[in-house]
Amino acid sequence: MGTLLWVIAAVLDIFAIYDVMNSRRDWATKAVLLVIILLIPFIGSGLYLLVFRDKSYA
């Protein structure tokens, strides 16, 4: 069960990192978000995807 959670965290981290790198944010904000995502794998990616992700699809 623990392995499954780590795989899910890795997939979410990869998606969040990809989304941060393709966003229109400045480099300093990207760096801070990447550090948060990488240092806190479960909480960082979830926090980014739920709170910080740009939700405009236009």
N, C-alpha and C. Protein backbone atom coordinates (compact mmCIF):
# COMPACT_ATOMS: atom_id res chain seq x y z
N MET A 1 0.82 -1.20 0.00
CA MET A 1 0.00 0.00 0.00
C MET A 1 0.87 1.27 0.00
N GLY A 2 1.98 1.21 0.72
CA GLY A 2 2.87 2.37 0.78
C GLY A 2 3.48 2.68 -0.58
N THR A 3 3.79 1.64 -1.34
CA THR A 3 4.38 1.83 -2.67
C THR A 3 3.39 2.52 -3.60
N LEU A 4 2.13 2.15 -3.49
CA LEU A 4 1.10 2.76 -4.31
C LEU A 4 0.98 4.26 -4.01
N LEU A 5 1.07 4.62 -2.74
CA LEU A 5 1.01 6.04 -2.38
C LEU A 5 2.19 6.82 -2.95
N TRP A 6 3.38 6.22 -2.93
CA TRP A 6 4.56 6.89 -3.49
C TRP A 6 4.44 7.04 -5.00
N VAL A 7 3.85 6.05 -5.66
CA VAL A 7 3.66 6.14 -7.11
C VAL A 7 2.67 7.26 -7.43
N ILE A 8 1.59 7.33 -6.67
CA ILE A 8 0.61 8.40 -6.87
C ILE A 8 1.24 9.76 -6.62
N ALA A 9 2.05 9.87 -5.56
CA ALA A 9 2.74 11.14 -5.26
C ALA A 9 3.70 11.51 -6.39
N ALA A 10 4.41 10.54 -6.94
CA ALA A 10 5.35 10.81 -8.03
C ALA A 10 4.61 11.30 -9.27
N VAL A 11 3.49 10.69 -9.59
CA VAL A 11 2.70 11.11 -10.76
C VAL A 11 2.17 12.52 -10.55
N LEU A 12 1.65 12.80 -9.37
CA LEU A 12 1.16 14.16 -9.09
C LEU A 12 2.30 15.18 -9.12
N ASP A 13 3.46 14.81 -8.60
CA ASP A 13 4.62 15.71 -8.65
C ASP A 13 5.03 16.01 -10.08
N ILE A 14 5.10 14.99 -10.91
CA ILE A 14 5.48 15.19 -12.32
C ILE A 14 4.48 16.10 -13.01
N PHE A 15 3.20 15.88 -12.79
CA PHE A 15 2.18 16.72 -13.41
C PHE A 15 2.29 18.16 -12.91
N ALA A 16 2.48 18.34 -11.61
CA ALA A 16 2.57 19.69 -11.04
C ALA A 16 3.82 20.41 -11.55
N ILE A 17 4.95 19.71 -11.62
CA ILE A 17 6.18 20.32 -12.13
C ILE A 17 6.01 20.72 -13.58
N TYR A 18 5.42 19.86 -14.38
CA TYR A 18 5.16 20.18 -15.78
C TYR A 18 4.27 21.41 -15.90
N ASP A 19 3.24 21.48 -15.07
CA ASP A 19 2.32 22.61 -15.11
C ASP A 19 3.00 23.90 -14.68
N VAL A 20 3.85 23.83 -13.67
CA VAL A 20 4.57 25.03 -13.22
C VAL A 20 5.50 25.52 -14.32
N MET A 21 6.22 24.62 -14.94
CA MET A 21 7.18 25.02 -15.97
C MET A 21 6.50 25.62 -17.20
N ASN A 22 5.27 25.22 -17.49
CA ASN A 22 4.55 25.76 -18.65
C ASN A 22 3.66 26.95 -18.31
N SER A 23 3.66 27.38 -17.05
CA SER A 23 2.83 28.51 -16.66
C SER A 23 3.50 29.83 -17.07
N ARG A 24 2.77 30.90 -16.97
CA ARG A 24 3.28 32.22 -17.35
C ARG A 24 3.83 32.99 -16.16
N ARG A 25 4.13 32.31 -15.10
CA ARG A 25 4.66 32.96 -13.90
C ARG A 25 6.12 33.39 -14.13
N ASP A 26 6.58 34.33 -13.30
CA ASP A 26 7.99 34.74 -13.40
C ASP A 26 8.87 33.64 -12.81
N TRP A 27 10.17 33.71 -13.08
CA TRP A 27 11.08 32.62 -12.72
C TRP A 27 11.20 32.44 -11.22
N ALA A 28 11.09 33.52 -10.44
CA ALA A 28 11.21 33.41 -8.98
C ALA A 28 10.03 32.64 -8.40
N THR A 29 8.84 32.93 -8.87
CA THR A 29 7.65 32.21 -8.41
C THR A 29 7.72 30.75 -8.80
N LYS A 30 8.19 30.49 -10.02
CA LYS A 30 8.34 29.10 -10.46
C LYS A 30 9.33 28.36 -9.56
N ALA A 31 10.42 29.00 -9.21
CA ALA A 31 11.44 28.37 -8.37
C ALA A 31 10.87 28.03 -6.99
N VAL A 32 10.13 28.96 -6.41
CA VAL A 32 9.54 28.72 -5.09
C VAL A 32 8.53 27.58 -5.15
N LEU A 33 7.68 27.58 -6.17
CA LEU A 33 6.69 26.51 -6.30
C LEU A 33 7.36 25.16 -6.53
N LEU A 34 8.41 25.11 -7.32
CA LEU A 34 9.12 23.85 -7.55
C LEU A 34 9.77 23.33 -6.27
N VAL A 35 10.34 24.22 -5.47
CA VAL A 35 10.95 23.80 -4.21
C VAL A 35 9.88 23.23 -3.28
N ILE A 36 8.74 23.88 -3.20
CA ILE A 36 7.65 23.38 -2.35
C ILE A 36 7.19 22.00 -2.82
N ILE A 37 7.01 21.86 -4.12
CA ILE A 37 6.54 20.58 -4.67
C ILE A 37 7.55 19.47 -4.41
N LEU A 38 8.83 19.76 -4.57
CA LEU A 38 9.86 18.72 -4.42
C LEU A 38 10.19 18.39 -2.97
N LEU A 39 10.11 19.36 -2.07
CA LEU A 39 10.47 19.10 -0.68
C LEU A 39 9.34 18.44 0.12
N ILE A 40 8.10 18.71 -0.27
CA ILE A 40 6.95 18.13 0.43
C ILE A 40 6.10 17.40 -0.60
N PRO A 41 6.47 16.17 -0.95
CA PRO A 41 5.85 15.50 -2.10
C PRO A 41 4.33 15.37 -2.05
N PHE A 42 3.77 14.92 -0.95
CA PHE A 42 2.32 14.71 -0.90
C PHE A 42 1.56 16.02 -0.79
N ILE A 43 1.99 16.88 0.10
CA ILE A 43 1.28 18.12 0.35
C ILE A 43 1.59 19.17 -0.72
N GLY A 44 2.83 19.24 -1.16
CA GLY A 44 3.25 20.26 -2.12
C GLY A 44 2.52 20.19 -3.45
N SER A 45 2.44 19.00 -4.03
CA SER A 45 1.75 18.88 -5.33
C SER A 45 0.26 19.09 -5.18
N GLY A 46 -0.32 18.56 -4.12
CA GLY A 46 -1.76 18.77 -3.89
C GLY A 46 -2.09 20.23 -3.65
N LEU A 47 -1.26 20.88 -2.86
CA LEU A 47 -1.45 22.31 -2.59
C LEU A 47 -1.36 23.12 -3.87
N TYR A 48 -0.37 22.82 -4.69
CA TYR A 48 -0.22 23.55 -5.95
C TYR A 48 -1.44 23.33 -6.85
N LEU A 49 -1.82 22.07 -7.03
CA LEU A 49 -2.90 21.76 -7.96
C LEU A 49 -4.24 22.30 -7.49
N LEU A 50 -4.45 22.39 -6.20
CA LEU A 50 -5.74 22.88 -5.69
C LEU A 50 -5.78 24.40 -5.49
N VAL A 51 -4.64 25.02 -5.14
CA VAL A 51 -4.65 26.42 -4.77
C VAL A 51 -3.95 27.32 -5.78
N PHE A 52 -2.74 26.96 -6.18
CA PHE A 52 -1.92 27.86 -6.97
C PHE A 52 -2.06 27.70 -8.47
N ARG A 53 -2.66 26.65 -8.93
CA ARG A 53 -2.76 26.41 -10.37
C ARG A 53 -3.64 27.46 -11.03
N ASP A 54 -3.21 27.94 -12.18
CA ASP A 54 -3.98 28.92 -12.93
C ASP A 54 -5.21 28.23 -13.50
N LYS A 55 -6.38 28.69 -13.11
CA LYS A 55 -7.60 28.01 -13.50
C LYS A 55 -8.27 28.63 -14.73
N SER A 56 -7.63 29.60 -15.35
CA SER A 56 -8.20 30.20 -16.56
C SER A 56 -7.85 29.33 -17.75
N TYR A 57 -8.81 28.91 -18.48
CA TYR A 57 -8.61 28.02 -19.61
C TYR A 57 -8.77 28.74 -20.93
N ALA A 58 -8.69 30.04 -20.91
CA ALA A 58 -8.87 30.81 -22.15
C ALA A 58 -7.59 30.96 -22.90
